[in-house]
């Protein structure tokens, strides 16, 4: 059974991913790690799989949902490790 909050989460994550991708591509200085965008994309995939699992192949899309969310967490962690502290503290 599909819950309305799952659809809202899916739409919100898709909109946020598109917005953040647009901001990143038009930014002159690429300060955020690229792995964070892969992580955000995987969270979007996870939210899409959550909605699809209510219609077809529940076990398969449940596996996709949890696997992509776990991989997203790893990408965020790797991205956080690559952030260098700024040295312009006055």
PDB file of N, CA and C in Angstrom:
ATOM      1  N   UNK A   1       0.835  -1.177   0.000  1.00  0.00           N
ATOM      2  CA  UNK A   1       0.000   0.000   0.000  1.00  0.00           C
ATOM      3  C   UNK A   1       0.885   1.248   0.000  1.00  0.00           C
ATOM      4  N   UNK A   2       0.542   2.173  -0.844  1.00  0.00           N
ATOM      5  CA  UNK A   2       1.320   3.397  -0.974  1.00  0.00           C
ATOM      6  C   UNK A   2       0.747   4.464  -0.041  1.00  0.00           C
ATOM      7  N   UNK A   3       1.615   5.109   0.681  1.00  0.00           N
ATOM      8  CA  UNK A   3       1.209   6.187   1.565  1.00  0.00           C
ATOM      9  C   UNK A   3       1.476   7.524   0.876  1.00  0.00           C
ATOM     10  N   UNK A   4       0.625   8.509   1.118  1.00  0.00           N
ATOM     11  CA  UNK A   4       0.817   9.815   0.477  1.00  0.00           C
ATOM     12  C   UNK A   4       2.166  10.462   0.798  1.00  0.00           C
ATOM     13  N   UNK A   5       2.684  10.224   1.998  1.00  0.00           N
ATOM     14  CA  UNK A   5       3.969  10.839   2.350  1.00  0.00           C
ATOM     15  C   UNK A   5       5.107  10.295   1.494  1.00  0.00           C
ATOM     16  N   UNK A   6       4.987   9.051   1.022  1.00  0.00           N
ATOM     17  CA  UNK A   6       6.018   8.493   0.153  1.00  0.00           C
ATOM     18  C   UNK A   6       6.047   9.221  -1.188  1.00  0.00           C
ATOM     19  N   UNK A   7       4.895   9.554  -1.708  1.00  0.00           N
ATOM     20  CA  UNK A   7       4.835  10.286  -2.976  1.00  0.00           C
ATOM     21  C   UNK A   7       5.363  11.705  -2.784  1.00  0.00           C
ATOM     22  N   UNK A   8       5.019  12.341  -1.670  1.00  0.00           N
ATOM     23  CA  UNK A   8       5.524  13.686  -1.388  1.00  0.00           C
ATOM     24  C   UNK A   8       7.043  13.657  -1.243  1.00  0.00           C
ATOM     25  N   UNK A   9       7.580  12.665  -0.548  1.00  0.00           N
ATOM     26  CA  UNK A   9       9.036  12.535  -0.413  1.00  0.00           C
ATOM     27  C   UNK A   9       9.708  12.337  -1.763  1.00  0.00           C
ATOM     28  N   UNK A  10       9.108  11.541  -2.634  1.00  0.00           N
ATOM     29  CA  UNK A  10       9.679  11.293  -3.948  1.00  0.00           C
ATOM     30  C   UNK A  10       9.716  12.579  -4.768  1.00  0.00           C
ATOM     31  N   UNK A  11       8.619  13.299  -4.807  1.00  0.00           N
ATOM     32  CA  UNK A  11       8.557  14.541  -5.585  1.00  0.00           C
ATOM     33  C   UNK A  11       9.516  15.581  -5.016  1.00  0.00           C
ATOM     34  N   UNK A  12       9.568  15.684  -3.699  1.00  0.00           N
ATOM     35  CA  UNK A  12      10.464  16.662  -3.065  1.00  0.00           C
ATOM     36  C   UNK A  12      11.928  16.331  -3.334  1.00  0.00           C
ATOM     37  N   UNK A  13      12.293  15.066  -3.251  1.00  0.00           N
ATOM     38  CA  UNK A  13      13.695  14.714  -3.487  1.00  0.00           C
ATOM     39  C   UNK A  13      14.072  14.899  -4.952  1.00  0.00           C
ATOM     40  N   UNK A  14      13.154  14.626  -5.856  1.00  0.00           N
ATOM     41  CA  UNK A  14      13.436  14.852  -7.279  1.00  0.00           C
ATOM     42  C   UNK A  14      13.609  16.346  -7.557  1.00  0.00           C
ATOM     43  N   UNK A  15      12.747  17.168  -6.994  1.00  0.00           N
ATOM     44  CA  UNK A  15      12.849  18.616  -7.196  1.00  0.00           C
ATOM     45  C   UNK A  15      14.137  19.159  -6.588  1.00  0.00           C
ATOM     46  N   UNK A  16      14.480  18.700  -5.403  1.00  0.00           N
ATOM     47  CA  UNK A  16      15.700  19.160  -4.756  1.00  0.00           C
ATOM     48  C   UNK A  16      16.934  18.735  -5.539  1.00  0.00           C
ATOM     49  N   UNK A  17      16.936  17.504  -6.053  1.00  0.00           N
ATOM     50  CA  UNK A  17      18.081  17.039  -6.841  1.00  0.00           C
ATOM     51  C   UNK A  17      18.264  17.889  -8.093  1.00  0.00           C
ATOM     52  N   UNK A  18      17.172  18.180  -8.791  1.00  0.00           N
ATOM     53  CA  UNK A  18      17.250  18.996 -10.017  1.00  0.00           C
ATOM     54  C   UNK A  18      17.733  20.408  -9.679  1.00  0.00           C
ATOM     55  N   UNK A  19      17.200  20.980  -8.606  1.00  0.00           N
ATOM     56  CA  UNK A  19      17.602  22.325  -8.199  1.00  0.00           C
ATOM     57  C   UNK A  19      19.076  22.375  -7.809  1.00  0.00           C
ATOM     58  N   UNK A  20      19.518  21.441  -6.997  1.00  0.00           N
ATOM     59  CA  UNK A  20      20.904  21.431  -6.561  1.00  0.00           C
ATOM     60  C   UNK A  20      21.857  21.164  -7.722  1.00  0.00           C
ATOM     61  N   UNK A  21      21.458  20.317  -8.651  1.00  0.00           N
ATOM     62  CA  UNK A  21      22.282  20.052  -9.838  1.00  0.00           C
ATOM     63  C   UNK A  21      22.429  21.333 -10.663  1.00  0.00           C
ATOM     64  N   UNK A  22      21.345  22.061 -10.823  1.00  0.00           N
ATOM     65  CA  UNK A  22      21.379  23.315 -11.578  1.00  0.00           C
ATOM     66  C   UNK A  22      22.290  24.336 -10.894  1.00  0.00           C
ATOM     67  N   UNK A  23      22.170  24.453  -9.580  1.00  0.00           N
ATOM     68  CA  UNK A  23      23.013  25.386  -8.825  1.00  0.00           C
ATOM     69  C   UNK A  23      24.488  24.993  -8.955  1.00  0.00           C
ATOM     70  N   UNK A  24      24.775  23.705  -8.847  1.00  0.00           N
ATOM     71  CA  UNK A  24      26.159  23.235  -8.909  1.00  0.00           C
ATOM     72  C   UNK A  24      26.767  23.486 -10.285  1.00  0.00           C
ATOM     73  N   UNK A  25      26.011  23.219 -11.333  1.00  0.00           N
ATOM     74  CA  UNK A  25      26.548  23.394 -12.688  1.00  0.00           C
ATOM     75  C   UNK A  25      26.801  24.858 -13.025  1.00  0.00           C
ATOM     76  N   UNK A  26      26.036  25.775 -12.455  1.00  0.00           N
ATOM     77  CA  UNK A  26      26.193  27.191 -12.752  1.00  0.00           C
ATOM     78  C   UNK A  26      27.088  27.919 -11.751  1.00  0.00           C
ATOM     79  N   UNK A  27      27.628  27.199 -10.786  1.00  0.00           N
ATOM     80  CA  UNK A  27      28.485  27.807  -9.775  1.00  0.00           C
ATOM     81  C   UNK A  27      29.914  27.927 -10.312  1.00  0.00           C
ATOM     82  N   UNK A  28      30.527  29.093 -10.158  1.00  0.00           N
ATOM     83  CA  UNK A  28      31.904  29.238 -10.650  1.00  0.00           C
ATOM     84  C   UNK A  28      32.920  28.417  -9.853  1.00  0.00           C
ATOM     85  N   UNK A  29      32.692  28.263  -8.568  1.00  0.00           N
ATOM     86  CA  UNK A  29      33.607  27.451  -7.760  1.00  0.00           C
ATOM     87  C   UNK A  29      32.858  26.227  -7.242  1.00  0.00           C
ATOM     88  N   UNK A  30      33.315  25.086  -7.643  1.00  0.00           N
ATOM     89  CA  UNK A  30      32.676  23.814  -7.277  1.00  0.00           C
ATOM     90  C   UNK A  30      33.206  23.389  -5.904  1.00  0.00           C
ATOM     91  N   UNK A  31      32.579  23.916  -4.833  1.00  0.00           N
ATOM     92  CA  UNK A  31      33.098  23.673  -3.496  1.00  0.00           C
ATOM     93  C   UNK A  31      32.556  22.397  -2.866  1.00  0.00           C
ATOM     94  N   UNK A  32      31.403  21.934  -3.307  1.00  0.00           N
ATOM     95  CA  UNK A  32      30.834  20.720  -2.729  1.00  0.00           C
ATOM     96  C   UNK A  32      31.401  19.483  -3.408  1.00  0.00           C
ATOM     97  N   UNK A  33      31.631  18.431  -2.653  1.00  0.00           N
ATOM     98  CA  UNK A  33      32.145  17.196  -3.255  1.00  0.00           C
ATOM     99  C   UNK A  33      31.130  16.589  -4.230  1.00  0.00           C
ATOM    100  N   UNK A  34      31.619  16.075  -5.330  1.00  0.00           N
ATOM    101  CA  UNK A  34      30.751  15.455  -6.337  1.00  0.00           C
ATOM    102  C   UNK A  34      30.063  14.211  -5.784  1.00  0.00           C
ATOM    103  N   UNK A  35      30.686  13.560  -4.821  1.00  0.00           N
ATOM    104  CA  UNK A  35      30.067  12.362  -4.247  1.00  0.00           C
ATOM    105  C   UNK A  35      28.752  12.684  -3.551  1.00  0.00           C
ATOM    106  N   UNK A  36      28.570  13.922  -3.099  1.00  0.00           N
ATOM    107  CA  UNK A  36      27.307  14.297  -2.473  1.00  0.00           C
ATOM    108  C   UNK A  36      26.171  14.305  -3.489  1.00  0.00           C
ATOM    109  N   UNK A  37      26.479  14.645  -4.723  1.00  0.00           N
ATOM    110  CA  UNK A  37      25.435  14.614  -5.745  1.00  0.00           C
ATOM    111  C   UNK A  37      25.052  13.181  -6.092  1.00  0.00           C
ATOM    112  N   UNK A  38      26.036  12.292  -6.089  1.00  0.00           N
ATOM    113  CA  UNK A  38      25.711  10.875  -6.282  1.00  0.00           C
ATOM    114  C   UNK A  38      24.872  10.366  -5.118  1.00  0.00           C
ATOM    115  N   UNK A  39      25.188  10.797  -3.915  1.00  0.00           N
ATOM    116  CA  UNK A  39      24.399  10.410  -2.751  1.00  0.00           C
ATOM    117  C   UNK A  39      22.974  10.917  -2.830  1.00  0.00           C
ATOM    118  N   UNK A  40      22.817  12.157  -3.260  1.00  0.00           N
ATOM    119  CA  UNK A  40      21.476  12.714  -3.402  1.00  0.00           C
ATOM    120  C   UNK A  40      20.698  12.002  -4.505  1.00  0.00           C
ATOM    121  N   UNK A  41      21.400  11.639  -5.587  1.00  0.00           N
ATOM    122  CA  UNK A  41      20.741  10.887  -6.653  1.00  0.00           C
ATOM    123  C   UNK A  41      20.282   9.524  -6.137  1.00  0.00           C
ATOM    124  N   UNK A  42      21.082   8.880  -5.316  1.00  0.00           N
ATOM    125  CA  UNK A  42      20.704   7.573  -4.774  1.00  0.00           C
ATOM    126  C   UNK A  42      19.541   7.681  -3.792  1.00  0.00           C
ATOM    127  N   UNK A  43      19.457   8.772  -3.062  1.00  0.00           N
ATOM    128  CA  UNK A  43      18.293   8.972  -2.194  1.00  0.00           C
ATOM    129  C   UNK A  43      17.039   9.166  -3.042  1.00  0.00           C
ATOM    130  N   UNK A  44      17.171   9.872  -4.158  1.00  0.00           N
ATOM    131  CA  UNK A  44      16.043  10.034  -5.072  1.00  0.00           C
ATOM    132  C   UNK A  44      15.624   8.686  -5.640  1.00  0.00           C
ATOM    133  N   UNK A  45      16.585   7.852  -6.022  1.00  0.00           N
ATOM    134  CA  UNK A  45      16.281   6.504  -6.508  1.00  0.00           C
ATOM    135  C   UNK A  45      15.584   5.691  -5.424  1.00  0.00           C
ATOM    136  N   UNK A  46      16.038   5.846  -4.193  1.00  0.00           N
ATOM    137  CA  UNK A  46      15.421   5.137  -3.078  1.00  0.00           C
ATOM    138  C   UNK A  46      13.960   5.547  -2.903  1.00  0.00           C
ATOM    139  N   UNK A  47      13.687   6.834  -3.007  1.00  0.00           N
ATOM    140  CA  UNK A  47      12.307   7.305  -2.879  1.00  0.00           C
ATOM    141  C   UNK A  47      11.432   6.853  -4.037  1.00  0.00           C
ATOM    142  N   UNK A  48      11.983   6.794  -5.232  1.00  0.00           N
ATOM    143  CA  UNK A  48      11.227   6.298  -6.384  1.00  0.00           C
ATOM    144  C   UNK A  48      10.930   4.806  -6.213  1.00  0.00           C
ATOM    145  N   UNK A  49      11.919   4.052  -5.743  1.00  0.00           N
ATOM    146  CA  UNK A  49      11.717   2.614  -5.523  1.00  0.00           C
ATOM    147  C   UNK A  49      10.674   2.359  -4.443  1.00  0.00           C
ATOM    148  N   UNK A  50      10.593   3.242  -3.457  1.00  0.00           N
ATOM    149  CA  UNK A  50       9.587   3.104  -2.411  1.00  0.00           C
ATOM    150  C   UNK A  50       8.183   3.177  -2.980  1.00  0.00           C
ATOM    151  N   UNK A  51       7.975   4.084  -3.913  1.00  0.00           N
ATOM    152  CA  UNK A  51       6.656   4.228  -4.526  1.00  0.00           C
ATOM    153  C   UNK A  51       6.368   3.056  -5.460  1.00  0.00           C
ATOM    154  N   UNK A  52       7.357   2.650  -6.246  1.00  0.00           N
ATOM    155  CA  UNK A  52       7.148   1.567  -7.218  1.00  0.00           C
ATOM    156  C   UNK A  52       6.867   0.241  -6.514  1.00  0.00           C
ATOM    157  N   UNK A  53       7.477   0.016  -5.360  1.00  0.00           N
ATOM    158  CA  UNK A  53       7.282  -1.263  -4.671  1.00  0.00           C
ATOM    159  C   UNK A  53       5.830  -1.477  -4.245  1.00  0.00           C
ATOM    160  N   UNK A  54       5.059  -0.415  -4.174  1.00  0.00           N
ATOM    161  CA  UNK A  54       3.640  -0.557  -3.852  1.00  0.00           C
ATOM    162  C   UNK A  54       2.827  -1.098  -5.014  1.00  0.00           C
ATOM    163  N   UNK A  55       3.378  -1.034  -6.228  1.00  0.00           N
ATOM    164  CA  UNK A  55       2.664  -1.489  -7.419  1.00  0.00           C
ATOM    165  C   UNK A  55       3.107  -2.873  -7.885  1.00  0.00           C
ATOM    166  N   UNK A  56       4.412  -3.034  -8.075  1.00  0.00           N
ATOM    167  CA  UNK A  56       4.932  -4.295  -8.627  1.00  0.00           C
ATOM    168  C   UNK A  56       6.204  -4.709  -7.897  1.00  0.00           C
ATOM    169  N   UNK A  57       6.499  -5.969  -7.936  1.00  0.00           N
ATOM    170  CA  UNK A  57       7.749  -6.558  -7.456  1.00  0.00           C
ATOM    171  C   UNK A  57       8.183  -5.956  -6.119  1.00  0.00           C
ATOM    172  N   UNK A  58       7.355  -6.090  -5.121  1.00  0.00           N
ATOM    173  CA  UNK A  58       7.589  -5.476  -3.825  1.00  0.00           C
ATOM    174  C   UNK A  58       8.938  -5.798  -3.209  1.00  0.00           C
ATOM    175  N   UNK A  59       9.321  -7.073  -3.206  1.00  0.00           N
ATOM    176  CA  UNK A  59      10.599  -7.460  -2.588  1.00  0.00           C
ATOM    177  C   UNK A  59      11.795  -6.896  -3.340  1.00  0.00           C
ATOM    178  N   UNK A  60      11.735  -6.917  -4.660  1.00  0.00           N
ATOM    179  CA  UNK A  60      12.844  -6.416  -5.467  1.00  0.00           C
ATOM    180  C   UNK A  60      13.049  -4.921  -5.242  1.00  0.00           C
ATOM    181  N   UNK A  61      11.976  -4.146  -5.319  1.00  0.00           N
ATOM    182  CA  UNK A  61      12.114  -2.699  -5.154  1.00  0.00           C
ATOM    183  C   UNK A  61      12.385  -2.314  -3.700  1.00  0.00           C
ATOM    184  N   UNK A  62      11.990  -3.137  -2.761  1.00  0.00           N
ATOM    185  CA  UNK A  62      12.366  -2.906  -1.371  1.00  0.00           C
ATOM    186  C   UNK A  62      13.878  -3.074  -1.205  1.00  0.00           C
ATOM    187  N   UNK A  63      14.438  -4.080  -1.869  1.00  0.00           N
ATOM    188  CA  UNK A  63      15.886  -4.278  -1.856  1.00  0.00           C
ATOM    189  C   UNK A  63      16.594  -3.088  -2.509  1.00  0.00           C
ATOM    190  N   UNK A  64      16.091  -2.624  -3.646  1.00  0.00           N
ATOM    191  CA  UNK A  64      16.672  -1.471  -4.334  1.00  0.00           C
ATOM    192  C   UNK A  64      16.610  -0.232  -3.435  1.00  0.00           C
ATOM    193  N   UNK A  65      15.467  -0.048  -2.780  1.00  0.00           N
ATOM    194  CA  UNK A  65      15.295   1.099  -1.887  1.00  0.00           C
ATOM    195  C   UNK A  65      16.363   1.123  -0.798  1.00  0.00           C
ATOM    196  N   UNK A  66      16.503   0.021  -0.084  1.00  0.00           N
ATOM    197  CA  UNK A  66      17.433  -0.008   1.036  1.00  0.00           C
ATOM    198  C   UNK A  66      18.893  -0.037   0.581  1.00  0.00           C
ATOM    199  N   UNK A  67      19.167  -0.676  -0.524  1.00  0.00           N
ATOM    200  CA  UNK A  67      20.542  -0.706  -1.042  1.00  0.00           C
ATOM    201  C   UNK A  67      20.990   0.673  -1.507  1.00  0.00           C
ATOM    202  N   UNK A  68      20.114   1.379  -2.200  1.00  0.00           N
ATOM    203  CA  UNK A  68      20.507   2.699  -2.689  1.00  0.00           C
ATOM    204  C   UNK A  68      20.627   3.701  -1.537  1.00  0.00           C
ATOM    205  N   UNK A  69      19.801   3.566  -0.518  1.00  0.00           N
ATOM    206  CA  UNK A  69      19.924   4.463   0.627  1.00  0.00           C
ATOM    207  C   UNK A  69      21.229   4.192   1.383  1.00  0.00           C
ATOM    208  N   UNK A  70      21.607   2.934   1.516  1.00  0.00           N
ATOM    209  CA  UNK A  70      22.872   2.592   2.172  1.00  0.00           C
ATOM    210  C   UNK A  70      24.052   3.127   1.368  1.00  0.00           C
ATOM    211  N   UNK A  71      24.006   2.965   0.049  1.00  0.00           N
ATOM    212  CA  UNK A  71      25.076   3.487  -0.803  1.00  0.00           C
ATOM    213  C   UNK A  71      25.134   5.010  -0.721  1.00  0.00           C
ATOM    214  N   UNK A  72      23.985   5.668  -0.620  1.00  0.00           N
ATOM    215  CA  UNK A  72      23.963   7.130  -0.490  1.00  0.00           C
ATOM    216  C   UNK A  72      24.675   7.559   0.783  1.00  0.00           C
ATOM    217  N   UNK A  73      24.437   6.851   1.863  1.00  0.00           N
ATOM    218  CA  UNK A  73      25.118   7.172   3.123  1.00  0.00           C
ATOM    219  C   UNK A  73      26.630   7.044   2.974  1.00  0.00           C
ATOM    220  N   UNK A  74      27.076   6.023   2.263  1.00  0.00           N
ATOM    221  CA  UNK A  74      28.518   5.853   2.031  1.00  0.00           C
ATOM    222  C   UNK A  74      29.077   6.999   1.189  1.00  0.00           C
ATOM    223  N   UNK A  75      28.334   7.414   0.156  1.00  0.00           N
ATOM    224  CA  UNK A  75      28.794   8.527  -0.682  1.00  0.00           C
ATOM    225  C   UNK A  75      28.878   9.825   0.126  1.00  0.00           C
ATOM    226  N   UNK A  76      27.900  10.076   1.007  1.00  0.00           N
ATOM    227  CA  UNK A  76      27.952  11.273   1.837  1.00  0.00           C
ATOM    228  C   UNK A  76      29.148  11.220   2.786  1.00  0.00           C
ATOM    229  N   UNK A  77      29.428  10.059   3.328  1.00  0.00           N
ATOM    230  CA  UNK A  77      30.566   9.905   4.234  1.00  0.00           C
ATOM    231  C   UNK A  77      31.879  10.140   3.496  1.00  0.00           C
ATOM    232  N   UNK A  78      32.015   9.549   2.319  1.00  0.00           N
ATOM    233  CA  UNK A  78      33.233   9.738   1.525  1.00  0.00           C
ATOM    234  C   UNK A  78      33.392  11.202   1.142  1.00  0.00           C
ATOM    235  N   UNK A  79      32.285  11.841   0.769  1.00  0.00           N
ATOM    236  CA  UNK A  79      32.340  13.267   0.431  1.00  0.00           C
ATOM    237  C   UNK A  79      32.747  14.124   1.612  1.00  0.00           C
ATOM    238  N   UNK A  80      32.262  13.776   2.787  1.00  0.00           N
ATOM    239  CA  UNK A  80      32.626  14.537   3.985  1.00  0.00           C
ATOM    240  C   UNK A  80      34.107  14.382   4.306  1.00  0.00           C
ATOM    241  N   UNK A  81      34.676  13.237   3.997  1.00  0.00           N
ATOM    242  CA  UNK A  81      36.104  13.043   4.237  1.00  0.00           C
ATOM    243  C   UNK A  81      36.971  13.884   3.302  1.00  0.00           C
ATOM    244  N   UNK A  82      36.436  14.239   2.137  1.00  0.00           N
ATOM    245  CA  UNK A  82      37.209  14.999   1.158  1.00  0.00           C
ATOM    246  C   UNK A  82      37.088  16.515   1.318  1.00  0.00           C
ATOM    247  N   UNK A  83      36.300  16.980   2.256  1.00  0.00           N
ATOM    248  CA  UNK A  83      36.183  18.418   2.477  1.00  0.00           C
ATOM    249  C   UNK A  83      37.414  18.890   3.232  1.00  0.00           C
ATOM    250  N   UNK A  84      38.046  19.912   2.693  1.00  0.00           N
ATOM    251  CA  UNK A  84      39.225  20.469   3.343  1.00  0.00           C
ATOM    252  C   UNK A  84      38.781  21.699   4.142  1.00  0.00           C
ATOM    253  N   UNK A  85      39.234  21.810   5.368  1.00  0.00           N
ATOM    254  CA  UNK A  85      38.862  22.998   6.152  1.00  0.00           C
ATOM    255  C   UNK A  85      39.473  24.249   5.562  1.00  0.00           C
ATOM    256  N   UNK A  86      38.737  25.341   5.633  1.00  0.00           N
ATOM    257  CA  UNK A  86      39.289  26.594   5.090  1.00  0.00           C
ATOM    258  C   UNK A  86      40.306  27.161   6.071  1.00  0.00           C
ATOM    259  N   UNK A  87      41.319  27.771   5.517  1.00  0.00           N
ATOM    260  CA  UNK A  87      42.390  28.275   6.356  1.00  0.00           C
ATOM    261  C   UNK A  87      42.309  29.801   6.505  1.00  0.00           C
ATOM    262  N   UNK A  88      41.181  30.383   6.159  1.00  0.00           N
ATOM    263  CA  UNK A  88      41.075  31.832   6.226  1.00  0.00           C
ATOM    264  C   UNK A  88      40.329  32.294   7.487  1.00  0.00           C
ATOM    265  N   UNK A  89      40.509  31.590   8.569  1.00  0.00           N
ATOM    266  CA  UNK A  89      39.900  31.971   9.842  1.00  0.00           C
ATOM    267  C   UNK A  89      40.725  33.119  10.426  1.00  0.00           C
ATOM    268  N   UNK A  90      40.041  34.188  10.757  1.00  0.00           N
ATOM    269  CA  UNK A  90      40.752  35.355  11.273  1.00  0.00           C
ATOM    270  C   UNK A  90      40.459  35.579  12.717  1.00  0.00           C
TER     271      UNK A  90
END
